[in-house]
């Protein structure tokens, strides 16, 4: 695995190049800037594989800033998908001043029933990397949210609800943006075939405590993976311990209804994004 120092040096050089480019256009013309970096090297079938973080920052970003941020994780049942799922969300939130990250994580083999240990490990490491490099990313380490859809929503909620004892750098986000998250892995919940009777080790819904972050949750009433009752219980259990959790239900919508779509069919993407912005505004993180 490359050292943090070497990664930081590469990152610093890239930032200088991007800043120089951004300085060549006016603030009105400049769009959010995209960049990709490696946060971790892992061994997959005997070969070193670099895991990446895509990040989107505002046009007027500076490394000396202290901006709010969000780390997104894609869905795909822990076995598929790609970080690009939240690229559009990242662009829109960057226009409001946030720095947005999309973390890559190792995927499980569809043919076996392994528990998602590598998924939660990589998500935790990606979040830790972002927070530990906050001063280089121009972000406030106390205002980093985690977000995701489906299995990515599970990973974000996992970071929010699980007690972190692995590192000196906290892996607990300050807020959660959850899009049809499969966050109940207990008996009868999603993912039980993989986690079995060890569900308490993986299931955010079974680890809600008073120190967890506020959350906003989006769910379609026709979601075949997550019953409405599961989302309502999560909301109520959060509120029972004094944690704010908003639940927004969308009538007759299926799993994945929130994704940005081609051809202008973005009604639900736009609505869930607007509600996410309202949530972040109430936290004092953005000003639409």
Protein backbone atom coordinates (compact mmCIF):
# COMPACT_ATOMS: atom_id res chain seq x y z
CA UNK A 1 0.00 0.00 0.00
CA UNK A 2 1.33 3.45 -0.88
CA UNK A 3 2.20 5.57 2.13
CA UNK A 4 -0.09 8.40 3.18
CA UNK A 5 2.82 10.75 2.63
CA UNK A 6 3.30 9.71 -1.00
CA UNK A 7 -0.44 9.94 -1.66
CA UNK A 8 -0.53 13.38 -0.09
CA UNK A 9 2.33 14.56 -2.31
CA UNK A 10 0.56 13.33 -5.43
CA UNK A 11 -2.63 14.97 -4.23
CA UNK A 12 -0.88 18.30 -3.59
CA UNK A 13 0.61 18.40 -7.09
CA UNK A 14 -2.78 17.61 -8.66
CA UNK A 15 -4.46 20.34 -6.61
CA UNK A 16 -1.94 22.92 -7.84
CA UNK A 17 -2.62 21.94 -11.45
CA UNK A 18 -6.40 22.13 -10.95
CA UNK A 19 -6.17 25.49 -9.20
CA UNK A 20 -4.07 26.88 -12.05
CA UNK A 21 -6.65 25.67 -14.56
CA UNK A 22 -9.58 27.06 -12.57
CA UNK A 23 -7.83 30.40 -12.39
CA UNK A 24 -7.85 30.68 -16.18
CA UNK A 25 -11.65 31.08 -16.39
CA UNK A 26 -14.09 33.39 -14.71
CA UNK A 27 -16.02 32.32 -11.62
CA UNK A 28 -19.28 32.48 -13.62
CA UNK A 29 -17.93 30.18 -16.33
CA UNK A 30 -16.19 27.75 -14.03
CA UNK A 31 -17.94 24.47 -13.26
CA UNK A 32 -17.28 22.21 -10.27
CA UNK A 33 -13.91 20.51 -10.65
CA UNK A 34 -13.46 16.73 -10.78
CA UNK A 35 -10.45 14.76 -9.59
CA UNK A 36 -9.63 11.14 -8.71
CA UNK A 37 -7.10 9.87 -6.20
CA UNK A 38 -6.07 6.54 -4.69
CA UNK A 39 -6.87 6.09 -1.01
CA UNK A 40 -5.88 2.47 -0.44
CA UNK A 41 -4.13 -0.49 -2.05
CA UNK A 42 -5.53 -3.97 -1.48
CA UNK A 43 -4.71 -7.46 -2.70
CA UNK A 44 -7.35 -9.07 -4.91
CA UNK A 45 -6.59 -12.62 -6.09
CA UNK A 46 -2.91 -12.03 -5.48
CA UNK A 47 -2.74 -8.72 -7.36
CA UNK A 48 -2.47 -5.21 -5.93
CA UNK A 49 -5.53 -3.11 -6.69
CA UNK A 50 -5.78 0.59 -5.99
CA UNK A 51 -9.12 1.77 -4.61
CA UNK A 52 -10.10 5.24 -5.70
CA UNK A 53 -12.07 8.23 -4.49
CA UNK A 54 -13.66 10.55 -7.05
CA UNK A 55 -14.19 14.01 -5.70
CA UNK A 56 -16.03 17.08 -6.87
CA UNK A 57 -15.30 20.53 -5.50
CA UNK A 58 -16.78 23.98 -6.08
CA UNK A 59 -15.29 26.20 -8.76
CA UNK A 60 -14.06 28.67 -6.14
CA UNK A 61 -12.61 25.96 -3.89
CA UNK A 62 -9.32 26.57 -2.04
CA UNK A 63 -7.29 24.14 0.03
CA UNK A 64 -7.49 26.63 2.90
CA UNK A 65 -11.30 26.43 2.97
CA UNK A 66 -13.30 24.73 5.72
CA UNK A 67 -16.32 23.53 3.75
CA UNK A 68 -18.96 20.90 4.54
CA UNK A 69 -18.52 17.62 2.70
CA UNK A 70 -20.25 14.34 1.90
CA UNK A 71 -18.86 10.90 1.09
CA UNK A 72 -21.19 8.85 -1.15
CA UNK A 73 -21.25 5.08 -1.59
CA UNK A 74 -22.96 3.43 -4.56
CA UNK A 75 -25.56 0.69 -4.48
CA UNK A 76 -25.51 -2.71 -6.16
CA UNK A 77 -26.20 -5.29 -3.47
CA UNK A 78 -22.54 -5.25 -2.32
CA UNK A 79 -21.83 -7.16 -5.57
CA UNK A 80 -22.08 -4.50 -8.30
CA UNK A 81 -22.45 -0.83 -9.11
CA UNK A 82 -19.95 2.00 -9.43
CA UNK A 83 -19.15 5.34 -7.72
CA UNK A 84 -20.58 7.29 -10.66
CA UNK A 85 -24.11 6.71 -9.34
CA UNK A 86 -23.84 9.90 -7.30
CA UNK A 87 -21.91 12.03 -9.79
CA UNK A 88 -24.91 14.27 -10.54
CA UNK A 89 -25.69 14.71 -6.85
CA UNK A 90 -22.06 15.69 -6.31
CA UNK A 91 -22.11 18.33 -9.04
CA UNK A 92 -25.29 19.93 -7.70
CA UNK A 93 -24.11 19.96 -4.09
CA UNK A 94 -20.73 21.37 -5.15
CA UNK A 95 -22.56 24.29 -6.72
CA UNK A 96 -23.88 25.03 -3.23
CA UNK A 97 -20.39 25.01 -1.76
CA UNK A 98 -19.93 21.42 -0.62
CA UNK A 99 -16.99 19.15 -1.40
CA UNK A 100 -18.28 15.74 -2.51
CA UNK A 101 -16.54 12.37 -2.58
CA UNK A 102 -17.52 9.03 -4.10
CA UNK A 103 -15.71 6.06 -2.63
CA UNK A 104 -14.88 2.85 -4.45
CA UNK A 105 -15.07 -0.36 -2.42
CA UNK A 106 -14.40 -4.02 -3.13
CA UNK A 107 -17.40 -6.05 -4.27
CA UNK A 108 -18.52 -9.46 -3.08
CA UNK A 109 -18.66 -12.50 -5.34
CA UNK A 110 -22.27 -13.09 -6.40
CA UNK A 111 -21.73 -16.86 -6.31
CA UNK A 112 -20.96 -17.12 -2.60
CA UNK A 113 -22.61 -15.92 0.58
CA UNK A 114 -19.74 -14.01 2.18
CA UNK A 115 -20.65 -11.31 4.68
CA UNK A 116 -19.85 -7.75 3.54
CA UNK A 117 -16.69 -7.42 5.64
CA UNK A 118 -14.56 -6.06 2.79
CA UNK A 119 -17.31 -3.59 1.85
CA UNK A 120 -17.64 -2.06 5.31
CA UNK A 121 -13.86 -2.12 5.76
CA UNK A 122 -13.27 -0.15 2.57
CA UNK A 123 -16.10 2.29 3.26
CA UNK A 124 -14.67 2.91 6.73
CA UNK A 125 -11.17 3.42 5.34
CA UNK A 126 -12.42 5.77 2.60
CA UNK A 127 -14.27 7.90 5.14
CA UNK A 128 -11.27 7.94 7.48
CA UNK A 129 -9.01 8.97 4.60
CA UNK A 130 -11.23 11.93 3.76
CA UNK A 131 -11.47 13.11 7.38
CA UNK A 132 -7.76 12.63 8.10
CA UNK A 133 -6.91 14.75 5.02
CA UNK A 134 -9.52 17.42 5.73
CA UNK A 135 -6.95 20.22 5.76
CA UNK A 136 -5.80 19.25 2.24
CA UNK A 137 -9.35 18.83 0.93
CA UNK A 138 -10.41 22.23 2.26
CA UNK A 139 -13.17 20.72 4.39
CA UNK A 140 -14.35 20.92 7.98
CA UNK A 141 -13.67 17.54 9.66
CA UNK A 142 -16.69 18.10 11.91
CA UNK A 143 -19.07 18.58 8.97
CA UNK A 144 -18.66 15.46 6.84
CA UNK A 145 -21.81 13.53 5.93
CA UNK A 146 -22.07 10.03 4.52
CA UNK A 147 -24.60 9.14 1.85
CA UNK A 148 -25.57 6.28 -0.39
CA UNK A 149 -28.24 4.28 -2.12
CA UNK A 150 -29.37 0.72 -1.37
CA UNK A 151 -26.24 -1.23 -0.31
CA UNK A 152 -24.36 2.09 -0.40
CA UNK A 153 -27.01 3.46 1.95
CA UNK A 154 -26.26 0.52 4.22
CA UNK A 155 -22.56 1.44 4.21
CA UNK A 156 -23.30 5.08 5.02
CA UNK A 157 -25.69 4.11 7.82
CA UNK A 158 -23.17 1.55 9.06
CA UNK A 159 -20.65 4.34 9.57
CA UNK A 160 -23.27 6.43 11.35
CA UNK A 161 -24.63 3.79 13.70
CA UNK A 162 -21.66 1.58 14.54
CA UNK A 163 -19.27 2.47 17.34
CA UNK A 164 -15.84 3.17 15.90
CA UNK A 165 -12.91 1.74 17.84
CA UNK A 166 -10.55 0.98 14.95
CA UNK A 167 -8.80 4.30 14.48
CA UNK A 168 -7.82 7.51 16.25
CA UNK A 169 -9.66 9.33 13.45
CA UNK A 170 -13.42 9.04 13.91
CA UNK A 171 -15.26 7.26 11.13
CA UNK A 172 -18.66 8.46 12.31
CA UNK A 173 -20.23 11.00 9.92
CA UNK A 174 -22.00 14.11 11.17
CA UNK A 175 -25.11 13.50 9.02
CA UNK A 176 -26.60 10.82 6.76
CA UNK A 177 -28.23 11.05 3.32
CA UNK A 178 -29.87 7.66 2.76
CA UNK A 179 -31.60 6.65 -0.48
CA UNK A 180 -33.63 3.42 -0.14
CA UNK A 181 -30.96 2.06 2.23
CA UNK A 182 -30.91 -1.64 3.09
CA UNK A 183 -30.07 -0.79 6.69
CA UNK A 184 -31.98 -3.60 8.42
CA UNK A 185 -30.02 -6.83 8.01
CA UNK A 186 -31.75 -8.68 10.84
CA UNK A 187 -34.14 -11.64 10.54
CA UNK A 188 -36.49 -10.99 7.64
CA UNK A 189 -34.43 -7.99 6.51
CA UNK A 190 -32.27 -7.60 3.43
CA UNK A 191 -28.88 -9.35 3.41
CA UNK A 192 -29.76 -11.90 6.08
CA UNK A 193 -28.54 -14.73 3.82
CA UNK A 194 -25.05 -13.25 4.03
CA UNK A 195 -24.88 -12.12 7.67
CA UNK A 196 -26.98 -14.85 9.33
CA UNK A 197 -27.16 -14.74 13.10
CA UNK A 198 -24.27 -12.24 13.12
CA UNK A 199 -26.61 -9.48 11.87
CA UNK A 200 -25.95 -7.25 14.89
CA UNK A 201 -22.39 -6.87 13.61
CA UNK A 202 -23.60 -5.38 10.33
CA UNK A 203 -27.13 -4.01 10.73
CA UNK A 204 -27.38 -0.24 11.36
CA UNK A 205 -31.02 -0.61 12.41
CA UNK A 206 -29.93 -2.79 15.33
CA UNK A 207 -27.25 -0.37 16.54
CA UNK A 208 -29.09 2.94 16.97
CA UNK A 209 -27.84 4.98 19.93
CA UNK A 210 -28.05 8.58 21.14
CA UNK A 211 -24.66 9.56 19.65
CA UNK A 212 -25.69 8.75 16.08
CA UNK A 213 -25.97 11.49 13.43
CA UNK A 214 -29.21 12.98 12.08
CA UNK A 215 -30.47 11.39 8.89
CA UNK A 216 -32.80 11.86 5.97
CA UNK A 217 -34.22 8.75 4.31
CA UNK A 218 -35.99 8.35 0.95
CA UNK A 219 -38.06 5.27 0.11
CA UNK A 220 -40.60 4.26 -2.53
CA UNK A 221 -43.71 2.52 -1.23
CA UNK A 222 -43.34 -0.15 -3.93
CA UNK A 223 -39.76 -0.99 -2.97
CA UNK A 224 -39.57 -4.80 -3.02
CA UNK A 225 -36.43 -4.88 -0.84
CA UNK A 226 -37.41 -2.53 1.98
CA UNK A 227 -40.89 -2.49 3.52
CA UNK A 228 -42.27 0.88 4.56
CA UNK A 229 -42.61 -0.51 8.09
CA UNK A 230 -38.82 -1.03 8.22
CA UNK A 231 -38.17 2.62 7.38
CA UNK A 232 -40.81 3.82 9.84
CA UNK A 233 -39.30 1.72 12.62
CA UNK A 234 -35.82 3.09 11.87
CA UNK A 235 -37.17 6.65 12.07
CA UNK A 236 -39.06 5.97 15.29
CA UNK A 237 -36.13 4.15 16.92
CA UNK A 238 -33.88 7.11 16.10
CA UNK A 239 -36.31 9.61 17.56
CA UNK A 240 -36.78 7.43 20.65
CA UNK A 241 -33.12 8.01 21.58
CA UNK A 242 -33.19 11.70 20.62
CA UNK A 243 -31.72 11.45 17.12
CA UNK A 244 -33.50 13.33 14.34
CA UNK A 245 -34.45 11.18 11.35
CA UNK A 246 -36.61 12.37 8.46
CA UNK A 247 -38.46 9.83 6.35
CA UNK A 248 -39.86 10.74 2.94
CA UNK A 249 -42.10 8.17 1.24
CA UNK A 250 -42.83 8.22 -2.49
CA UNK A 251 -46.07 6.59 -3.53
CA UNK A 252 -45.83 3.62 -5.92
CA UNK A 253 -42.11 4.17 -6.54
CA UNK A 254 -39.75 1.18 -6.82
CA UNK A 255 -36.22 0.61 -5.61
CA UNK A 256 -33.77 3.07 -7.19
CA UNK A 257 -36.45 5.62 -8.09
CA UNK A 258 -34.20 8.50 -6.96
CA UNK A 259 -31.44 8.04 -9.54
CA UNK A 260 -30.76 10.74 -12.12
CA UNK A 261 -32.11 9.50 -15.46
CA UNK A 262 -31.43 10.36 -19.06
CA UNK A 263 -34.12 11.89 -21.24
CA UNK A 264 -35.27 14.45 -18.70
CA UNK A 265 -37.13 11.99 -16.47
CA UNK A 266 -35.63 13.43 -13.33
CA UNK A 267 -38.69 14.30 -11.27
CA UNK A 268 -37.78 12.13 -8.28
CA UNK A 269 -34.06 12.79 -8.52
CA UNK A 270 -34.80 16.51 -8.36
CA UNK A 271 -37.27 16.18 -5.51
CA UNK A 272 -35.04 13.99 -3.34
CA UNK A 273 -32.09 16.28 -4.07
CA UNK A 274 -34.13 19.36 -3.07
CA UNK A 275 -35.16 17.70 0.18
CA UNK A 276 -31.53 16.74 0.83
CA UNK A 277 -30.54 20.37 0.34
CA UNK A 278 -33.27 21.47 2.78
CA UNK A 279 -31.94 18.95 5.30
CA UNK A 280 -28.39 20.28 4.90
CA UNK A 281 -29.69 23.85 5.10
CA UNK A 282 -31.35 23.12 8.44
CA UNK A 283 -28.00 21.82 9.67
CA UNK A 284 -26.47 25.15 8.63
CA UNK A 285 -24.17 23.52 6.08
CA UNK A 286 -25.42 25.15 2.86
CA UNK A 287 -27.35 28.22 1.77
CA UNK A 288 -29.41 27.57 -1.40
